[in-house]
Amino acid sequence: MGSTFFSLHFHIVFSTKDRRLFMEAEWRPRVHSYLGGIIRGMNGVAEAVGGVADHVHLLASLRPVHRIADVLRD
């Protein structure tokens, strides 16, 4: 019996407007955990979340049923 295996990983980068240094170091971990929680809420896996004052990187494993446009909207 055959089976199908999907491994979909997305590197998503969010930036502040005009790359302004907006995200303070004190509350950056809360932003990262919030983004990870959104991915987990969609039955995905937040492999890594990190960033600096002007942008955030998110490495997410998503299922084939996810549309990347919907994930980014949410």
Protein backbone atom coordinates (compact mmCIF):
# COMPACT_ATOMS: atom_id res chain seq x y z
CA MET A 1 0.00 0.00 0.00
CA GLY A 2 1.47 3.36 -1.02
CA SER A 3 1.67 6.44 1.10
CA THR A 4 2.54 10.09 0.62
CA PHE A 5 4.89 12.14 2.77
CA PHE A 6 4.91 15.92 2.75
CA SER A 7 7.55 18.09 4.38
CA LEU A 8 6.68 21.74 3.78
CA HIS A 9 8.90 24.29 5.48
CA PHE A 10 8.51 28.04 5.02
CA HIS A 11 10.92 30.81 5.95
CA ILE A 12 8.78 33.88 6.61
CA VAL A 13 10.19 37.32 7.38
CA PHE A 14 8.11 40.15 8.83
CA SER A 15 9.62 43.63 8.83
CA THR A 16 8.66 46.88 10.51
CA LYS A 17 7.64 49.78 8.30
CA ASP A 18 10.70 51.48 6.80
CA ARG A 19 12.83 49.00 8.81
CA ARG A 20 12.50 51.23 11.87
CA LEU A 21 14.06 49.88 15.08
CA PHE A 22 10.73 49.35 16.79
CA MET A 23 10.74 46.07 18.70
CA GLU A 24 12.30 46.50 22.12
CA ALA A 25 14.48 43.67 23.43
CA GLU A 26 12.32 43.34 26.58
CA TRP A 27 9.13 42.36 24.78
CA ARG A 28 10.62 40.64 21.71
CA PRO A 29 10.32 37.13 23.30
CA ARG A 30 6.57 37.68 23.77
CA VAL A 31 6.19 38.56 20.08
CA HIS A 32 8.13 35.44 19.12
CA SER A 33 6.02 33.18 21.33
CA TYR A 34 2.84 34.81 20.00
CA LEU A 35 3.84 34.04 16.41
CA GLY A 36 4.70 30.47 17.38
CA GLY A 37 1.31 30.12 19.04
CA ILE A 38 -0.47 31.24 15.90
CA ILE A 39 1.32 28.56 13.88
CA ARG A 40 0.58 25.90 16.53
CA GLY A 41 -3.07 26.95 16.52
CA MET A 42 -3.18 26.11 12.82
CA ASN A 43 -1.77 22.62 13.49
CA GLY A 44 1.63 23.63 12.18
CA VAL A 45 5.02 23.54 13.89
CA ALA A 46 7.04 26.67 14.60
CA GLU A 47 10.52 25.26 14.06
CA ALA A 48 12.30 28.52 14.94
CA VAL A 49 11.24 32.08 15.69
CA GLY A 50 13.69 34.92 16.16
CA GLY A 51 14.65 38.34 15.05
CA VAL A 52 15.99 41.75 15.94
CA ALA A 53 14.59 45.25 16.42
CA ASP A 54 13.43 45.71 12.83
CA HIS A 55 12.35 42.24 11.65
CA VAL A 56 11.28 38.74 12.70
CA HIS A 57 12.16 35.39 11.10
CA LEU A 58 9.78 32.46 11.35
CA LEU A 59 10.60 28.94 10.16
CA ALA A 60 7.33 27.04 10.05
CA SER A 61 6.34 23.52 9.03
CA LEU A 62 2.85 23.56 7.61
CA ARG A 63 0.46 20.94 6.28
CA PRO A 64 -0.46 20.64 2.61
CA VAL A 65 -3.99 21.92 3.37
CA HIS A 66 -2.60 25.30 4.50
CA ARG A 67 -2.59 28.12 2.01
CA ILE A 68 0.37 30.38 2.70
CA ALA A 69 -1.74 33.50 2.02
CA ASP A 70 -4.20 32.46 4.75
CA VAL A 71 -1.39 31.71 7.20
CA LEU A 72 0.18 35.13 6.64
CA ARG A 73 -3.19 36.85 6.92
CA ASP A 74 -3.90 35.22 10.27
